[in-house]
Amino acid sequence: MKKLIEVSEAIDFIKDGDTLLVGGFGMSGTPLTLIDGIAASDKKDLTVVSNNLGEVGRGLGKLLDAGCLKKAKGSYFTTNREAVRAWSEGELEIELIPQGTLAEAVRCGGAGIAGFYTKTAAGTQLAEGKEEKEFDGETYILERAIRGDVSIIKGLKADTYGNIVYDHTARNFNVAMATASDLVIAEVDEIVEVGEIPPEDVVTPHLFIDYVVLNKYVKKGGVYVEQ
């Protein structure tokens, strides 16, 4: 049985300066309860790897507001104007990574692959300082795999072993990020007994999950709101 823990216990596993892999796409599939716990803590100098930094005052935007972040790696930061402001004023480091490259880099991190060559961003500022190689007359750049110290992901449901299913497209980056950190904490809406989730429905097997916490938000009208 995977250990069901309180959010405060989960946050204790995160150390200052850690790299966090955070699932989600926009606000979909984002572990809001865990993010709230981190924002309420005194964690500092965190590097977050995520598709985006939430919105102003929502999701990962709370970590920015709380001063927890040193750096953000991701694809799409303009949904949060405070992230753009913090970067422009030197308060936040940002590493922009094309979305497909980000997904593949995290997948490689979980699969034990050191890196890969891609045409994406070749010849742009994003390729500066990266190794280049020519294949079939075209230039590719080497992208290194991404791994984290801790992954926090969001599932719809877990059984008591920690097998995870997701809510439709809310699986997004969560699946890859569940494989690519030294410690993985899953936030879920519901925990059921082993056997209640059909084996063919399991997306993330329990062997990738270290701890599970329950989501304090409820879904109303397709949007998660705090209880």
C-alpha atoms as a PDB file:
ATOM      1  CA  MET A   1       0.000   0.000   0.000  1.00  0.00           C
ATOM      2  CA  LYS A   2       1.316   3.456  -0.905  1.00  0.00           C
ATOM      3  CA  LYS A   3       1.454   5.852   2.001  1.00  0.00           C
ATOM      4  CA  LEU A   4      -1.319   8.425   2.124  1.00  0.00           C
ATOM      5  CA  ILE A   5       0.185  11.505   3.721  1.00  0.00           C
ATOM      6  CA  GLU A   6      -0.873  14.999   4.665  1.00  0.00           C
ATOM      7  CA  VAL A   7       0.176  17.932   2.522  1.00  0.00           C
ATOM      8  CA  SER A   8       2.433  19.230   5.304  1.00  0.00           C
ATOM      9  CA  GLU A   9       4.324  15.920   5.296  1.00  0.00           C
ATOM     10  CA  ALA A  10       4.669  16.032   1.523  1.00  0.00           C
ATOM     11  CA  ILE A  11       6.127  19.542   1.620  1.00  0.00           C
ATOM     12  CA  ASP A  12       8.824  18.368   4.055  1.00  0.00           C
ATOM     13  CA  PHE A  13      10.310  16.266   1.244  1.00  0.00           C
ATOM     14  CA  ILE A  14      11.007  19.417  -0.784  1.00  0.00           C
ATOM     15  CA  LYS A  15      14.265  21.170   0.045  1.00  0.00           C
ATOM     16  CA  ASP A  16      15.500  24.667  -0.727  1.00  0.00           C
ATOM     17  CA  GLY A  17      17.127  24.731  -4.153  1.00  0.00           C
ATOM     18  CA  ASP A  18      15.324  21.613  -5.408  1.00  0.00           C
ATOM     19  CA  THR A  19      14.166  21.169  -8.988  1.00  0.00           C
ATOM     20  CA  LEU A  20      10.416  20.467  -9.083  1.00  0.00           C
ATOM     21  CA  LEU A  21       8.687  18.853 -12.037  1.00  0.00           C
ATOM     22  CA  VAL A  22       5.070  20.004 -11.939  1.00  0.00           C
ATOM     23  CA  GLY A  23       2.329  18.485 -14.055  1.00  0.00           C
ATOM     24  CA  GLY A  24      -0.355  20.532 -15.725  1.00  0.00           C
ATOM     25  CA  PHE A  25      -1.226  22.384 -18.909  1.00  0.00           C
ATOM     26  CA  GLY A  26      -2.591  25.809 -18.179  1.00  0.00           C
ATOM     27  CA  MET A  27      -4.662  25.088 -15.091  1.00  0.00           C
ATOM     28  CA  SER A  28      -5.692  21.616 -16.278  1.00  0.00           C
ATOM     29  CA  GLY A  29      -4.163  18.716 -14.387  1.00  0.00           C
ATOM     30  CA  THR A  30      -2.323  20.980 -11.965  1.00  0.00           C
ATOM     31  CA  PRO A  31      -1.687  19.750  -8.373  1.00  0.00           C
ATOM     32  CA  LEU A  32      -3.261  22.806  -6.733  1.00  0.00           C
ATOM     33  CA  THR A  33      -3.310  21.462  -3.174  1.00  0.00           C
ATOM     34  CA  LEU A  34       0.397  20.655  -3.182  1.00  0.00           C
ATOM     35  CA  ILE A  35       1.214  24.010  -4.760  1.00  0.00           C
ATOM     36  CA  ASP A  36      -0.765  25.770  -2.024  1.00  0.00           C
ATOM     37  CA  GLY A  37       1.241  23.868   0.583  1.00  0.00           C
ATOM     38  CA  ILE A  38       4.551  24.868  -0.966  1.00  0.00           C
ATOM     39  CA  ALA A  39       3.457  28.512  -1.271  1.00  0.00           C
ATOM     40  CA  ALA A  40       2.553  28.555   2.434  1.00  0.00           C
ATOM     41  CA  SER A  41       5.968  27.140   3.395  1.00  0.00           C
ATOM     42  CA  ASP A  42       9.315  28.906   3.581  1.00  0.00           C
ATOM     43  CA  LYS A  43      10.857  27.069   0.600  1.00  0.00           C
ATOM     44  CA  LYS A  44      13.329  29.150  -1.374  1.00  0.00           C
ATOM     45  CA  ASP A  45      15.374  29.050  -4.585  1.00  0.00           C
ATOM     46  CA  LEU A  46      13.239  26.402  -6.258  1.00  0.00           C
ATOM     47  CA  THR A  47      13.526  25.641  -9.958  1.00  0.00           C
ATOM     48  CA  VAL A  48      10.166  24.693 -11.463  1.00  0.00           C
ATOM     49  CA  VAL A  49       9.880  22.709 -14.677  1.00  0.00           C
ATOM     50  CA  SER A  50       6.355  23.039 -16.027  1.00  0.00           C
ATOM     51  CA  ASN A  51       4.573  23.971 -19.224  1.00  0.00           C
ATOM     52  CA  ASN A  52       3.680  27.354 -17.719  1.00  0.00           C
ATOM     53  CA  LEU A  53       3.522  29.284 -14.433  1.00  0.00           C
ATOM     54  CA  GLY A  54      -0.229  29.180 -13.951  1.00  0.00           C
ATOM     55  CA  GLU A  55      -2.041  32.489 -13.783  1.00  0.00           C
ATOM     56  CA  VAL A  56      -1.795  35.532 -11.554  1.00  0.00           C
ATOM     57  CA  GLY A  57      -2.517  34.267  -8.039  1.00  0.00           C
ATOM     58  CA  ARG A  58      -3.514  30.798  -9.261  1.00  0.00           C
ATOM     59  CA  GLY A  59      -1.605  27.542  -9.545  1.00  0.00           C
ATOM     60  CA  LEU A  60       2.135  28.023  -9.878  1.00  0.00           C
ATOM     61  CA  GLY A  61       1.518  31.762  -9.851  1.00  0.00           C
ATOM     62  CA  LYS A  62       1.200  31.369  -6.068  1.00  0.00           C
ATOM     63  CA  LEU A  63       4.794  30.110  -5.817  1.00  0.00           C
ATOM     64  CA  LEU A  64       5.981  33.159  -7.713  1.00  0.00           C
ATOM     65  CA  ASP A  65       3.974  35.487  -5.469  1.00  0.00           C
ATOM     66  CA  ALA A  66       5.334  33.748  -2.348  1.00  0.00           C
ATOM     67  CA  GLY A  67       8.948  34.221  -3.418  1.00  0.00           C
ATOM     68  CA  CYS A  68       9.657  30.493  -3.634  1.00  0.00           C
ATOM     69  CA  LEU A  69      11.059  30.495  -7.156  1.00  0.00           C
ATOM     70  CA  LYS A  70      14.544  31.137  -8.462  1.00  0.00           C
ATOM     71  CA  LYS A  71      14.039  29.778 -11.979  1.00  0.00           C
ATOM     72  CA  ALA A  72      11.305  28.489 -14.262  1.00  0.00           C
ATOM     73  CA  LYS A  73      11.790  26.179 -17.241  1.00  0.00           C
ATOM     74  CA  GLY A  74       8.865  25.872 -19.591  1.00  0.00           C
ATOM     75  CA  SER A  75       7.131  26.785 -22.814  1.00  0.00           C
ATOM     76  CA  TYR A  76       4.433  29.345 -22.188  1.00  0.00           C
ATOM     77  CA  PHE A  77       4.773  32.012 -19.516  1.00  0.00           C
ATOM     78  CA  THR A  78       2.615  34.821 -20.878  1.00  0.00           C
ATOM     79  CA  THR A  79      -0.588  33.535 -19.265  1.00  0.00           C
ATOM     80  CA  ASN A  80       0.894  34.963 -16.054  1.00  0.00           C
ATOM     81  CA  ARG A  81       1.837  38.610 -16.515  1.00  0.00           C
ATOM     82  CA  GLU A  82       3.564  38.568 -13.125  1.00  0.00           C
ATOM     83  CA  ALA A  83       6.019  35.968 -14.438  1.00  0.00           C
ATOM     84  CA  VAL A  84       6.849  38.237 -17.367  1.00  0.00           C
ATOM     85  CA  ARG A  85       7.262  41.213 -15.023  1.00  0.00           C
ATOM     86  CA  ALA A  86       9.473  39.237 -12.597  1.00  0.00           C
ATOM     87  CA  TRP A  87      11.701  38.110 -15.450  1.00  0.00           C
ATOM     88  CA  SER A  88      11.970  41.598 -16.954  1.00  0.00           C
ATOM     89  CA  GLU A  89      12.963  43.018 -13.565  1.00  0.00           C
ATOM     90  CA  GLY A  90      15.546  40.302 -12.864  1.00  0.00           C
ATOM     91  CA  GLU A  91      13.568  38.637 -10.082  1.00  0.00           C
ATOM     92  CA  LEU A  92      13.101  35.333 -11.923  1.00  0.00           C
ATOM     93  CA  GLU A  93      15.296  33.342 -14.286  1.00  0.00           C
ATOM     94  CA  ILE A  94      13.422  31.857 -17.221  1.00  0.00           C
ATOM     95  CA  GLU A  95      14.570  29.138 -19.617  1.00  0.00           C
ATOM     96  CA  LEU A  96      12.249  28.967 -22.597  1.00  0.00           C
ATOM     97  CA  ILE A  97      11.881  25.463 -24.059  1.00  0.00           C
ATOM     98  CA  PRO A  98       9.668  24.608 -27.066  1.00  0.00           C
ATOM     99  CA  GLN A  99       6.718  22.555 -25.910  1.00  0.00           C
ATOM    100  CA  GLY A 100       7.510  19.367 -27.817  1.00  0.00           C
ATOM    101  CA  THR A 101      11.155  19.595 -26.774  1.00  0.00           C
ATOM    102  CA  LEU A 102      10.090  19.972 -23.140  1.00  0.00           C
ATOM    103  CA  ALA A 103       7.851  16.910 -23.318  1.00  0.00           C
ATOM    104  CA  GLU A 104      10.580  14.819 -24.937  1.00  0.00           C
ATOM    105  CA  ALA A 105      13.291  16.039 -22.554  1.00  0.00           C
ATOM    106  CA  VAL A 106      11.211  14.975 -19.546  1.00  0.00           C
ATOM    107  CA  ARG A 107      10.325  11.662 -21.190  1.00  0.00           C
ATOM    108  CA  CYS A 108      14.016  11.010 -21.803  1.00  0.00           C
ATOM    109  CA  GLY A 109      14.762  11.881 -18.191  1.00  0.00           C
ATOM    110  CA  GLY A 110      12.376   9.166 -17.085  1.00  0.00           C
ATOM    111  CA  ALA A 111      13.627   6.642 -19.637  1.00  0.00           C
ATOM    112  CA  GLY A 112      17.330   6.942 -18.851  1.00  0.00           C
ATOM    113  CA  ILE A 113      18.164   8.649 -22.157  1.00  0.00           C
ATOM    114  CA  ALA A 114      20.794  11.366 -21.810  1.00  0.00           C
ATOM    115  CA  GLY A 115      19.603  13.581 -24.642  1.00  0.00           C
ATOM    116  CA  PHE A 116      18.356  13.813 -28.210  1.00  0.00           C
ATOM    117  CA  TYR A 117      18.818  15.814 -31.388  1.00  0.00           C
ATOM    118  CA  THR A 118      15.995  17.963 -32.740  1.00  0.00           C
ATOM    119  CA  LYS A 119      15.530  20.497 -35.539  1.00  0.00           C
ATOM    120  CA  THR A 120      13.265  22.611 -33.339  1.00  0.00           C
ATOM    121  CA  ALA A 121      14.916  25.947 -32.445  1.00  0.00           C
ATOM    122  CA  ALA A 122      17.966  25.296 -34.635  1.00  0.00           C
ATOM    123  CA  GLY A 123      19.278  28.620 -35.912  1.00  0.00           C
ATOM    124  CA  THR A 124      17.522  30.645 -33.196  1.00  0.00           C
ATOM    125  CA  GLN A 125      18.661  32.195 -29.926  1.00  0.00           C
ATOM    126  CA  LEU A 126      17.369  29.115 -28.120  1.00  0.00           C
ATOM    127  CA  ALA A 127      20.137  27.077 -29.776  1.00  0.00           C
ATOM    128  CA  GLU A 128      22.964  29.297 -28.540  1.00  0.00           C
ATOM    129  CA  GLY A 129      25.636  27.314 -26.708  1.00  0.00           C
ATOM    130  CA  LYS A 130      24.167  23.947 -27.677  1.00  0.00           C
ATOM    131  CA  GLU A 131      25.928  21.284 -29.694  1.00  0.00           C
ATOM    132  CA  GLU A 132      24.902  21.139 -33.343  1.00  0.00           C
ATOM    133  CA  LYS A 133      25.028  18.188 -35.716  1.00  0.00           C
ATOM    134  CA  GLU A 134      24.034  17.758 -39.334  1.00  0.00           C
ATOM    135  CA  PHE A 135      21.761  14.914 -40.426  1.00  0.00           C
ATOM    136  CA  ASP A 136      20.761  14.540 -44.096  1.00  0.00           C
ATOM    137  CA  GLY A 137      21.818  18.091 -44.814  1.00  0.00           C
ATOM    138  CA  GLU A 138      19.812  19.660 -41.984  1.00  0.00           C
ATOM    139  CA  THR A 139      21.015  21.157 -38.718  1.00  0.00           C
ATOM    140  CA  TYR A 140      19.903  19.615 -35.436  1.00  0.00           C
ATOM    141  CA  ILE A 141      20.699  20.701 -31.881  1.00  0.00           C
ATOM    142  CA  LEU A 142      21.385  18.498 -28.890  1.00  0.00           C
ATOM    143  CA  GLU A 143      18.870  18.809 -26.071  1.00  0.00           C
ATOM    144  CA  ARG A 144      19.699  17.255 -22.717  1.00  0.00           C
ATOM    145  CA  ALA A 145      17.201  15.186 -20.763  1.00  0.00           C
ATOM    146  CA  ILE A 146      15.423  16.791 -17.803  1.00  0.00           C
ATOM    147  CA  ARG A 147      15.131  15.204 -14.376  1.00  0.00           C
ATOM    148  CA  GLY A 148      13.942  16.618 -11.071  1.00  0.00           C
ATOM    149  CA  ASP A 149      14.442  16.101  -7.380  1.00  0.00           C
ATOM    150  CA  VAL A 150      10.686  15.922  -6.768  1.00  0.00           C
ATOM    151  CA  SER A 151       7.709  15.589  -9.119  1.00  0.00           C
ATOM    152  CA  ILE A 152       4.256  16.722  -8.038  1.00  0.00           C
ATOM    153  CA  ILE A 153       1.495  15.460 -10.294  1.00  0.00           C
ATOM    154  CA  LYS A 154      -2.306  15.504 -10.407  1.00  0.00           C
ATOM    155  CA  GLY A 155      -4.429  12.403 -10.980  1.00  0.00           C
ATOM    156  CA  LEU A 156      -8.160  11.832 -10.928  1.00  0.00           C
ATOM    157  CA  LYS A 157      -8.057   8.651  -8.888  1.00  0.00           C
ATOM    158  CA  ALA A 158      -5.585   6.302  -7.204  1.00  0.00           C
ATOM    159  CA  ASP A 159      -5.987   2.898  -5.653  1.00  0.00           C
ATOM    160  CA  THR A 160      -4.342   2.034  -2.356  1.00  0.00           C
ATOM    161  CA  TYR A 161      -1.259   0.751  -4.197  1.00  0.00           C
ATOM    162  CA  GLY A 162      -0.829   4.101  -5.941  1.00  0.00           C
ATOM    163  CA  ASN A 163      -1.927   3.172  -9.467  1.00  0.00           C
ATOM    164  CA  ILE A 164      -3.098   6.387 -11.115  1.00  0.00           C
ATOM    165  CA  VAL A 165      -5.737   7.326 -13.677  1.00  0.00           C
ATOM    166  CA  TYR A 166      -6.219  10.824 -15.063  1.00  0.00           C
ATOM    167  CA  ASP A 167      -9.153  13.016 -16.004  1.00  0.00           C
ATOM    168  CA  HIS A 168      -9.127  12.933 -19.804  1.00  0.00           C
ATOM    169  CA  THR A 169      -6.654  15.510 -21.194  1.00  0.00           C
ATOM    170  CA  ALA A 170      -5.560  16.422 -17.664  1.00  0.00           C
ATOM    171  CA  ARG A 171      -3.032  13.628 -18.043  1.00  0.00           C
ATOM    172  CA  ASN A 172      -0.924  16.037 -20.206  1.00  0.00           C
ATOM    173  CA  PHE A 173       2.602  16.441 -18.733  1.00  0.00           C
ATOM    174  CA  ASN A 174       1.732  14.486 -15.585  1.00  0.00           C
ATOM    175  CA  VAL A 175       2.474  11.097 -17.150  1.00  0.00           C
ATOM    176  CA  ALA A 176       6.053  11.888 -18.173  1.00  0.00           C
ATOM    177  CA  MET A 177       6.815  13.853 -15.017  1.00  0.00           C
ATOM    178  CA  ALA A 178       5.773  10.914 -12.861  1.00  0.00           C
ATOM    179  CA  THR A 179       8.789   9.021 -14.228  1.00  0.00           C
ATOM    180  CA  ALA A 180      11.508  11.670 -14.156  1.00  0.00           C
ATOM    181  CA  SER A 181      12.234  12.588 -10.519  1.00  0.00           C
ATOM    182  CA  ASP A 182      13.849  10.930  -7.538  1.00  0.00           C
ATOM    183  CA  LEU A 183      10.607  11.310  -5.535  1.00  0.00           C
ATOM    184  CA  VAL A 184       7.049  11.487  -6.882  1.00  0.00           C
ATOM    185  CA  ILE A 185       4.018  12.776  -4.979  1.00  0.00           C
ATOM    186  CA  ALA A 186       0.590  12.360  -6.559  1.00  0.00           C
ATOM    187  CA  GLU A 187      -2.397  14.505  -5.660  1.00  0.00           C
ATOM    188  CA  VAL A 188      -5.714  12.807  -6.436  1.00  0.00           C
ATOM    189  CA  ASP A 189      -9.424  13.467  -6.029  1.00  0.00           C
ATOM    190  CA  GLU A 190     -10.254   9.988  -4.779  1.00  0.00           C
ATOM    191  CA  ILE A 191      -8.606   6.845  -3.396  1.00  0.00           C
ATOM    192  CA  VAL A 192     -10.220   3.458  -4.015  1.00  0.00           C
ATOM    193  CA  GLU A 193      -9.387  -0.135  -3.178  1.00  0.00           C
ATOM    194  CA  VAL A 194      -7.127  -2.251  -5.349  1.00  0.00           C
ATOM    195  CA  GLY A 195      -9.217  -3.870  -8.093  1.00  0.00           C
ATOM    196  CA  GLU A 196     -11.643  -0.971  -8.461  1.00  0.00           C
ATOM    197  CA  ILE A 197      -9.559   0.508 -11.262  1.00  0.00           C
ATOM    198  CA  PRO A 198      -9.499  -1.829 -14.282  1.00  0.00           C
ATOM    199  CA  PRO A 199      -5.863  -2.696 -15.060  1.00  0.00           C
ATOM    200  CA  GLU A 200      -6.237  -1.454 -18.629  1.00  0.00           C
ATOM    201  CA  ASP A 201      -7.256   1.991 -17.320  1.00  0.00           C
ATOM    202  CA  VAL A 202      -4.105   2.505 -15.244  1.00  0.00           C
ATOM    203  CA  VAL A 203      -1.873   5.120 -16.880  1.00  0.00           C
ATOM    204  CA  THR A 204       0.841   5.574 -14.237  1.00  0.00           C
ATOM    205  CA  PRO A 205       1.668   2.308 -12.421  1.00  0.00           C
ATOM    206  CA  HIS A 206       2.205   2.403  -8.677  1.00  0.00           C
ATOM    207  CA  LEU A 207       5.925   1.702  -8.936  1.00  0.00           C
ATOM    208  CA  PHE A 208       6.476   5.327  -9.993  1.00  0.00           C
ATOM    209  CA  ILE A 209       4.509   6.830  -7.074  1.00  0.00           C
ATOM    210  CA  ASP A 210       6.053   7.331  -3.645  1.00  0.00           C
ATOM    211  CA  TYR A 211       3.295   9.192  -1.801  1.00  0.00           C
ATOM    212  CA  VAL A 212      -0.313  10.236  -2.340  1.00  0.00           C
ATOM    213  CA  VAL A 213      -2.204  13.255  -0.991  1.00  0.00           C
ATOM    214  CA  LEU A 214      -5.892  14.080  -1.338  1.00  0.00           C
ATOM    215  CA  ASN A 215      -6.984  17.119  -3.312  1.00  0.00           C
ATOM    216  CA  LYS A 216      -8.772  19.757  -1.203  1.00  0.00           C
ATOM    217  CA  TYR A 217     -10.409  21.294  -4.288  1.00  0.00           C
ATOM    218  CA  VAL A 218     -13.704  20.133  -5.781  1.00  0.00           C
ATOM    219  CA  LYS A 219     -14.730  20.278  -9.426  1.00  0.00           C
ATOM    220  CA  LYS A 220     -17.673  22.524 -10.207  1.00  0.00           C
ATOM    221  CA  GLY A 221     -18.683  23.362 -13.737  1.00  0.00           C
ATOM    222  CA  GLY A 222     -15.484  21.857 -15.057  1.00  0.00           C
ATOM    223  CA  VAL A 223     -13.297  24.066 -12.820  1.00  0.00           C
ATOM    224  CA  TYR A 224     -11.600  23.135  -9.539  1.00  0.00           C
ATOM    225  CA  VAL A 225     -12.579  25.419  -6.650  1.00  0.00           C
ATOM    226  CA  GLU A 226     -11.383  25.261  -3.060  1.00  0.00           C
ATOM    227  CA  GLN A 227     -13.739  23.613  -0.586  1.00  0.00           C
END
